[in-house]
């Protein structure tokens, strides 16, 4: 289980960096984090909790990083 949590955090951190503004980055991070958390949570038997934790971690990582640290391009909605 510990490896799953570390993996989820690493994936959320890497995928949370789409967009230029902190709001864009937080939103995309929350989306990617929730999806990854739900996937990992479903394996562990708690997809809703996994989605909530993954979304929170992804949003935090997206808002805390800036485009010069991790940049994956413009969000698809722009």
PDB file of N, CA and C in Angstrom:
ATOM      1  N   UNK A   1       0.821  -1.184   0.000  1.00  0.00           N
ATOM      2  CA  UNK A   1       0.000   0.000   0.000  1.00  0.00           C
ATOM      3  C   UNK A   1       0.872   1.257   0.000  1.00  0.00           C
ATOM      4  N   UNK A   2       1.965   1.214   0.684  1.00  0.00           N
ATOM      5  CA  UNK A   2       2.847   2.377   0.767  1.00  0.00           C
ATOM      6  C   UNK A   2       3.380   2.770  -0.615  1.00  0.00           C
ATOM      7  N   UNK A   3       3.707   1.767  -1.427  1.00  0.00           N
ATOM      8  CA  UNK A   3       4.184   2.050  -2.777  1.00  0.00           C
ATOM      9  C   UNK A   3       3.084   2.701  -3.610  1.00  0.00           C
ATOM     10  N   UNK A   4       1.844   2.281  -3.407  1.00  0.00           N
ATOM     11  CA  UNK A   4       0.728   2.870  -4.146  1.00  0.00           C
ATOM     12  C   UNK A   4       0.560   4.340  -3.814  1.00  0.00           C
ATOM     13  N   UNK A   5       0.700   4.696  -2.563  1.00  0.00           N
ATOM     14  CA  UNK A   5       0.561   6.095  -2.149  1.00  0.00           C
ATOM     15  C   UNK A   5       1.693   6.933  -2.740  1.00  0.00           C
ATOM     16  N   UNK A   6       2.903   6.435  -2.686  1.00  0.00           N
ATOM     17  CA  UNK A   6       4.041   7.155  -3.263  1.00  0.00           C
ATOM     18  C   UNK A   6       3.866   7.293  -4.768  1.00  0.00           C
ATOM     19  N   UNK A   7       3.425   6.238  -5.417  1.00  0.00           N
ATOM     20  CA  UNK A   7       3.197   6.282  -6.861  1.00  0.00           C
ATOM     21  C   UNK A   7       2.103   7.288  -7.206  1.00  0.00           C
ATOM     22  N   UNK A   8       1.019   7.290  -6.452  1.00  0.00           N
ATOM     23  CA  UNK A   8      -0.078   8.234  -6.703  1.00  0.00           C
ATOM     24  C   UNK A   8       0.401   9.668  -6.545  1.00  0.00           C
ATOM     25  N   UNK A   9       1.196   9.930  -5.533  1.00  0.00           N
ATOM     26  CA  UNK A   9       1.712  11.283  -5.333  1.00  0.00           C
ATOM     27  C   UNK A   9       2.637  11.685  -6.470  1.00  0.00           C
ATOM     28  N   UNK A  10       3.496  10.781  -6.904  1.00  0.00           N
ATOM     29  CA  UNK A  10       4.425  11.088  -7.995  1.00  0.00           C
ATOM     30  C   UNK A  10       3.675  11.355  -9.298  1.00  0.00           C
ATOM     31  N   UNK A  11       2.671  10.550  -9.596  1.00  0.00           N
ATOM     32  CA  UNK A  11       1.880  10.753 -10.805  1.00  0.00           C
ATOM     33  C   UNK A  11       1.130  12.075 -10.733  1.00  0.00           C
ATOM     34  N   UNK A  12       0.546  12.370  -9.581  1.00  0.00           N
ATOM     35  CA  UNK A  12      -0.178  13.638  -9.421  1.00  0.00           C
ATOM     36  C   UNK A  12       0.756  14.822  -9.597  1.00  0.00           C
ATOM     37  N   UNK A  13       1.946  14.735  -9.074  1.00  0.00           N
ATOM     38  CA  UNK A  13       2.901  15.826  -9.202  1.00  0.00           C
ATOM     39  C   UNK A  13       3.320  16.027 -10.653  1.00  0.00           C
ATOM     40  N   UNK A  14       3.561  14.947 -11.361  1.00  0.00           N
ATOM     41  CA  UNK A  14       3.989  15.055 -12.755  1.00  0.00           C
ATOM     42  C   UNK A  14       2.874  15.544 -13.672  1.00  0.00           C
ATOM     43  N   UNK A  15       1.656  15.100 -13.416  1.00  0.00           N
ATOM     44  CA  UNK A  15       0.556  15.430 -14.310  1.00  0.00           C
ATOM     45  C   UNK A  15      -0.187  16.694 -13.930  1.00  0.00           C
ATOM     46  N   UNK A  16       0.186  17.311 -12.847  1.00  0.00           N
ATOM     47  CA  UNK A  16      -0.571  18.461 -12.368  1.00  0.00           C
ATOM     48  C   UNK A  16      -0.124  19.768 -12.980  1.00  0.00           C
ATOM     49  N   UNK A  17       0.803  19.734 -13.885  1.00  0.00           N
ATOM     50  CA  UNK A  17       1.460  20.963 -14.303  1.00  0.00           C
ATOM     51  C   UNK A  17       1.007  21.511 -15.649  1.00  0.00           C
ATOM     52  N   UNK A  18      -0.195  21.252 -16.083  1.00  0.00           N
ATOM     53  CA  UNK A  18      -0.681  21.813 -17.343  1.00  0.00           C
ATOM     54  C   UNK A  18      -1.249  23.193 -17.100  1.00  0.00           C
ATOM     55  N   UNK A  19      -0.814  24.171 -17.871  1.00  0.00           N
ATOM     56  CA  UNK A  19      -1.351  25.516 -17.773  1.00  0.00           C
ATOM     57  C   UNK A  19      -0.331  26.517 -17.283  1.00  0.00           C
ATOM     58  N   UNK A  20      -0.657  27.782 -17.488  1.00  0.00           N
ATOM     59  CA  UNK A  20       0.239  28.861 -17.095  1.00  0.00           C
ATOM     60  C   UNK A  20      -0.107  29.447 -15.731  1.00  0.00           C
ATOM     61  N   UNK A  21      -1.395  29.613 -15.458  1.00  0.00           N
ATOM     62  CA  UNK A  21      -1.802  30.255 -14.208  1.00  0.00           C
ATOM     63  C   UNK A  21      -1.950  29.216 -13.104  1.00  0.00           C
ATOM     64  N   UNK A  22      -1.844  29.641 -11.849  1.00  0.00           N
ATOM     65  CA  UNK A  22      -2.053  28.696 -10.746  1.00  0.00           C
ATOM     66  C   UNK A  22      -3.438  28.050 -10.773  1.00  0.00           C
ATOM     67  N   UNK A  23      -4.437  28.797 -11.228  1.00  0.00           N
ATOM     68  CA  UNK A  23      -5.789  28.229 -11.297  1.00  0.00           C
ATOM     69  C   UNK A  23      -5.857  27.108 -12.323  1.00  0.00           C
ATOM     70  N   UNK A  24      -5.302  27.331 -13.513  1.00  0.00           N
ATOM     71  CA  UNK A  24      -5.268  26.280 -14.537  1.00  0.00           C
ATOM     72  C   UNK A  24      -4.537  25.052 -14.023  1.00  0.00           C
ATOM     73  N   UNK A  25      -3.418  25.281 -13.393  1.00  0.00           N
ATOM     74  CA  UNK A  25      -2.601  24.181 -12.914  1.00  0.00           C
ATOM     75  C   UNK A  25      -3.303  23.418 -11.794  1.00  0.00           C
ATOM     76  N   UNK A  26      -3.996  24.126 -10.913  1.00  0.00           N
ATOM     77  CA  UNK A  26      -4.725  23.467  -9.829  1.00  0.00           C
ATOM     78  C   UNK A  26      -5.889  22.643 -10.374  1.00  0.00           C
ATOM     79  N   UNK A  27      -6.599  23.187 -11.366  1.00  0.00           N
ATOM     80  CA  UNK A  27      -7.727  22.454 -11.944  1.00  0.00           C
ATOM     81  C   UNK A  27      -7.291  21.194 -12.675  1.00  0.00           C
ATOM     82  N   UNK A  28      -6.265  21.312 -13.506  1.00  0.00           N
ATOM     83  CA  UNK A  28      -5.804  20.113 -14.210  1.00  0.00           C
ATOM     84  C   UNK A  28      -5.184  19.118 -13.235  1.00  0.00           C
ATOM     85  N   UNK A  29      -4.483  19.618 -12.234  1.00  0.00           N
ATOM     86  CA  UNK A  29      -3.922  18.727 -11.226  1.00  0.00           C
ATOM     87  C   UNK A  29      -4.996  17.976 -10.466  1.00  0.00           C
ATOM     88  N   UNK A  30      -6.076  18.687 -10.132  1.00  0.00           N
ATOM     89  CA  UNK A  30      -7.183  18.036  -9.423  1.00  0.00           C
ATOM     90  C   UNK A  30      -7.831  16.962 -10.286  1.00  0.00           C
ATOM     91  N   UNK A  31      -8.002  17.252 -11.566  1.00  0.00           N
ATOM     92  CA  UNK A  31      -8.610  16.268 -12.465  1.00  0.00           C
ATOM     93  C   UNK A  31      -7.761  15.020 -12.637  1.00  0.00           C
ATOM     94  N   UNK A  32      -6.486  15.230 -12.941  1.00  0.00           N
ATOM     95  CA  UNK A  32      -5.588  14.086 -13.098  1.00  0.00           C
ATOM     96  C   UNK A  32      -5.414  13.333 -11.782  1.00  0.00           C
ATOM     97  N   UNK A  33      -5.299  14.079 -10.691  1.00  0.00           N
ATOM     98  CA  UNK A  33      -5.134  13.440  -9.384  1.00  0.00           C
ATOM     99  C   UNK A  33      -6.348  12.627  -8.984  1.00  0.00           C
ATOM    100  N   UNK A  34      -7.543  13.161  -9.236  1.00  0.00           N
ATOM    101  CA  UNK A  34      -8.760  12.429  -8.897  1.00  0.00           C
ATOM    102  C   UNK A  34      -8.890  11.150  -9.716  1.00  0.00           C
ATOM    103  N   UNK A  35      -8.547  11.246 -11.002  1.00  0.00           N
ATOM    104  CA  UNK A  35      -8.612  10.048 -11.850  1.00  0.00           C
ATOM    105  C   UNK A  35      -7.616   8.987 -11.381  1.00  0.00           C
ATOM    106  N   UNK A  36      -6.392   9.414 -11.126  1.00  0.00           N
ATOM    107  CA  UNK A  36      -5.386   8.462 -10.646  1.00  0.00           C
ATOM    108  C   UNK A  36      -5.714   7.910  -9.271  1.00  0.00           C
ATOM    109  N   UNK A  37      -6.212   8.782  -8.398  1.00  0.00           N
ATOM    110  CA  UNK A  37      -6.591   8.335  -7.060  1.00  0.00           C
ATOM    111  C   UNK A  37      -7.752   7.361  -7.082  1.00  0.00           C
ATOM    112  N   UNK A  38      -8.723   7.603  -7.960  1.00  0.00           N
ATOM    113  CA  UNK A  38      -9.854   6.677  -8.075  1.00  0.00           C
ATOM    114  C   UNK A  38      -9.397   5.317  -8.588  1.00  0.00           C
ATOM    115  N   UNK A  39      -8.480   5.339  -9.525  1.00  0.00           N
ATOM    116  CA  UNK A  39      -7.951   4.082 -10.071  1.00  0.00           C
ATOM    117  C   UNK A  39      -7.213   3.293  -9.000  1.00  0.00           C
ATOM    118  N   UNK A  40      -6.334   3.955  -8.291  1.00  0.00           N
ATOM    119  CA  UNK A  40      -5.590   3.276  -7.230  1.00  0.00           C
ATOM    120  C   UNK A  40      -6.520   2.892  -6.088  1.00  0.00           C
ATOM    121  N   UNK A  41      -7.459   3.784  -5.761  1.00  0.00           N
ATOM    122  CA  UNK A  41      -8.416   3.484  -4.701  1.00  0.00           C
ATOM    123  C   UNK A  41      -9.301   2.297  -5.032  1.00  0.00           C
ATOM    124  N   UNK A  42      -9.650   2.125  -6.311  1.00  0.00           N
ATOM    125  CA  UNK A  42     -10.486   0.981  -6.677  1.00  0.00           C
ATOM    126  C   UNK A  42      -9.740  -0.337  -6.493  1.00  0.00           C
ATOM    127  N   UNK A  43      -8.434  -0.299  -6.694  1.00  0.00           N
ATOM    128  CA  UNK A  43      -7.630  -1.502  -6.463  1.00  0.00           C
ATOM    129  C   UNK A  43      -7.598  -1.832  -4.967  1.00  0.00           C
ATOM    130  N   UNK A  44      -7.581  -0.794  -4.145  1.00  0.00           N
ATOM    131  CA  UNK A  44      -7.522  -0.983  -2.700  1.00  0.00           C
ATOM    132  C   UNK A  44      -8.904  -1.103  -2.063  1.00  0.00           C
ATOM    133  N   UNK A  45      -9.967  -0.902  -2.851  1.00  0.00           N
ATOM    134  CA  UNK A  45     -11.317  -1.063  -2.337  1.00  0.00           C
ATOM    135  C   UNK A  45     -11.980   0.215  -1.861  1.00  0.00           C
ATOM    136  N   UNK A  46     -11.415   1.371  -2.153  1.00  0.00           N
ATOM    137  CA  UNK A  46     -12.004   2.638  -1.722  1.00  0.00           C
ATOM    138  C   UNK A  46     -11.819   3.700  -2.815  1.00  0.00           C
ATOM    139  N   UNK A  47     -12.553   3.572  -3.943  1.00  0.00           N
ATOM    140  CA  UNK A  47     -12.326   4.509  -5.045  1.00  0.00           C
ATOM    141  C   UNK A  47     -12.703   5.956  -4.721  1.00  0.00           C
ATOM    142  N   UNK A  48     -13.742   6.171  -3.928  1.00  0.00           N
ATOM    143  CA  UNK A  48     -14.143   7.539  -3.600  1.00  0.00           C
ATOM    144  C   UNK A  48     -13.091   8.236  -2.744  1.00  0.00           C
ATOM    145  N   UNK A  49     -12.592   7.541  -1.755  1.00  0.00           N
ATOM    146  CA  UNK A  49     -11.543   8.115  -0.908  1.00  0.00           C
ATOM    147  C   UNK A  49     -10.282   8.355  -1.738  1.00  0.00           C
ATOM    148  N   UNK A  50      -9.956   7.417  -2.615  1.00  0.00           N
ATOM    149  CA  UNK A  50      -8.801   7.590  -3.492  1.00  0.00           C
ATOM    150  C   UNK A  50      -8.942   8.802  -4.395  1.00  0.00           C
ATOM    151  N   UNK A  51     -10.146   9.013  -4.936  1.00  0.00           N
ATOM    152  CA  UNK A  51     -10.381  10.172  -5.800  1.00  0.00           C
ATOM    153  C   UNK A  51     -10.276  11.474  -5.021  1.00  0.00           C
ATOM    154  N   UNK A  52     -10.809  11.497  -3.808  1.00  0.00           N
ATOM    155  CA  UNK A  52     -10.724  12.708  -2.988  1.00  0.00           C
ATOM    156  C   UNK A  52      -9.278  13.041  -2.627  1.00  0.00           C
ATOM    157  N   UNK A  53      -8.538  12.036  -2.199  1.00  0.00           N
ATOM    158  CA  UNK A  53      -7.134  12.261  -1.829  1.00  0.00           C
ATOM    159  C   UNK A  53      -6.314  12.634  -3.061  1.00  0.00           C
ATOM    160  N   UNK A  54      -6.510  11.911  -4.149  1.00  0.00           N
ATOM    161  CA  UNK A  54      -5.774  12.200  -5.374  1.00  0.00           C
ATOM    162  C   UNK A  54      -6.081  13.587  -5.913  1.00  0.00           C
ATOM    163  N   UNK A  55      -7.347  13.979  -5.868  1.00  0.00           N
ATOM    164  CA  UNK A  55      -7.723  15.316  -6.320  1.00  0.00           C
ATOM    165  C   UNK A  55      -7.101  16.401  -5.473  1.00  0.00           C
ATOM    166  N   UNK A  56      -7.100  16.197  -4.167  1.00  0.00           N
ATOM    167  CA  UNK A  56      -6.503  17.194  -3.265  1.00  0.00           C
ATOM    168  C   UNK A  56      -4.998  17.299  -3.483  1.00  0.00           C
ATOM    169  N   UNK A  57      -4.336  16.166  -3.612  1.00  0.00           N
ATOM    170  CA  UNK A  57      -2.889  16.179  -3.837  1.00  0.00           C
ATOM    171  C   UNK A  57      -2.565  16.803  -5.190  1.00  0.00           C
ATOM    172  N   UNK A  58      -3.334  16.449  -6.217  1.00  0.00           N
ATOM    173  CA  UNK A  58      -3.097  16.999  -7.544  1.00  0.00           C
ATOM    174  C   UNK A  58      -3.321  18.503  -7.602  1.00  0.00           C
ATOM    175  N   UNK A  59      -4.386  18.976  -6.958  1.00  0.00           N
ATOM    176  CA  UNK A  59      -4.657  20.417  -6.937  1.00  0.00           C
ATOM    177  C   UNK A  59      -3.573  21.165  -6.184  1.00  0.00           C
ATOM    178  N   UNK A  60      -3.136  20.612  -5.081  1.00  0.00           N
ATOM    179  CA  UNK A  60      -2.077  21.248  -4.298  1.00  0.00           C
ATOM    180  C   UNK A  60      -0.769  21.293  -5.085  1.00  0.00           C
ATOM    181  N   UNK A  61      -0.426  20.180  -5.707  1.00  0.00           N
ATOM    182  CA  UNK A  61       0.809  20.139  -6.491  1.00  0.00           C
ATOM    183  C   UNK A  61       0.730  21.083  -7.680  1.00  0.00           C
ATOM    184  N   UNK A  62      -0.421  21.159  -8.327  1.00  0.00           N
ATOM    185  CA  UNK A  62      -0.576  22.057  -9.464  1.00  0.00           C
ATOM    186  C   UNK A  62      -0.469  23.515  -9.075  1.00  0.00           C
ATOM    187  N   UNK A  63      -1.065  23.872  -7.945  1.00  0.00           N
ATOM    188  CA  UNK A  63      -1.021  25.259  -7.491  1.00  0.00           C
ATOM    189  C   UNK A  63       0.354  25.630  -6.939  1.00  0.00           C
ATOM    190  N   UNK A  64       1.071  24.666  -6.405  1.00  0.00           N
ATOM    191  CA  UNK A  64       2.356  24.947  -5.756  1.00  0.00           C
ATOM    192  C   UNK A  64       3.525  25.016  -6.735  1.00  0.00           C
ATOM    193  N   UNK A  65       3.368  24.414  -7.905  1.00  0.00           N
ATOM    194  CA  UNK A  65       4.460  24.447  -8.880  1.00  0.00           C
ATOM    195  C   UNK A  65       4.230  25.585  -9.870  1.00  0.00           C
ATOM    196  N   UNK A  66       5.283  25.986 -10.565  1.00  0.00           N
ATOM    197  CA  UNK A  66       5.119  26.998 -11.602  1.00  0.00           C
ATOM    198  C   UNK A  66       5.571  26.428 -12.944  1.00  0.00           C
ATOM    199  N   UNK A  67       5.213  27.075 -14.047  1.00  0.00           N
ATOM    200  CA  UNK A  67       5.510  26.516 -15.368  1.00  0.00           C
ATOM    201  C   UNK A  67       6.980  26.236 -15.630  1.00  0.00           C
ATOM    202  N   UNK A  68       7.881  26.934 -14.977  1.00  0.00           N
ATOM    203  CA  UNK A  68       9.299  26.678 -15.221  1.00  0.00           C
ATOM    204  C   UNK A  68       9.774  25.403 -14.532  1.00  0.00           C
ATOM    205  N   UNK A  69       9.017  24.898 -13.549  1.00  0.00           N
ATOM    206  CA  UNK A  69       9.402  23.659 -12.877  1.00  0.00           C
ATOM    207  C   UNK A  69       8.952  22.445 -13.679  1.00  0.00           C
ATOM    208  N   UNK A  70       7.676  22.391 -14.025  1.00  0.00           N
ATOM    209  CA  UNK A  70       7.119  21.295 -14.803  1.00  0.00           C
ATOM    210  C   UNK A  70       6.128  21.910 -15.763  1.00  0.00           C
ATOM    211  N   UNK A  71       6.341  21.746 -17.075  1.00  0.00           N
ATOM    212  CA  UNK A  71       5.443  22.344 -18.054  1.00  0.00           C
ATOM    213  C   UNK A  71       5.087  21.313 -19.110  1.00  0.00           C
ATOM    214  N   UNK A  72       3.812  20.992 -19.216  1.00  0.00           N
ATOM    215  CA  UNK A  72       3.354  20.007 -20.181  1.00  0.00           C
ATOM    216  C   UNK A  72       2.538  20.636 -21.304  1.00  0.00           C
ATOM    217  N   UNK A  73       2.555  21.944 -21.430  1.00  0.00           N
ATOM    218  CA  UNK A  73       1.857  22.602 -22.526  1.00  0.00           C
ATOM    219  C   UNK A  73       0.571  23.293 -22.081  1.00  0.00           C
ATOM    220  N   UNK A  74      -0.092  23.916 -23.038  1.00  0.00           N
ATOM    221  CA  UNK A  74      -1.336  24.616 -22.770  1.00  0.00           C
ATOM    222  C   UNK A  74      -2.451  23.622 -22.462  1.00  0.00           C
ATOM    223  N   UNK A  75      -3.383  23.994 -21.594  1.00  0.00           N
ATOM    224  CA  UNK A  75      -4.548  23.126 -21.357  1.00  0.00           C
ATOM    225  C   UNK A  75      -5.391  23.019 -22.618  1.00  0.00           C
ATOM    226  N   UNK A  76      -6.132  21.944 -22.768  1.00  0.00           N
ATOM    227  CA  UNK A  76      -6.906  21.729 -23.974  1.00  0.00           C
ATOM    228  C   UNK A  76      -8.050  22.724 -24.115  1.00  0.00           C
ATOM    229  N   UNK A  77      -8.501  23.337 -23.031  1.00  0.00           N
ATOM    230  CA  UNK A  77      -9.635  24.250 -23.125  1.00  0.00           C
ATOM    231  C   UNK A  77      -9.229  25.656 -23.537  1.00  0.00           C
ATOM    232  N   UNK A  78      -7.979  25.911 -23.782  1.00  0.00           N
ATOM    233  CA  UNK A  78      -7.538  27.255 -24.206  1.00  0.00           C
ATOM    234  C   UNK A  78      -7.115  27.259 -25.648  1.00  0.00           C
TER     235      UNK A  78
END
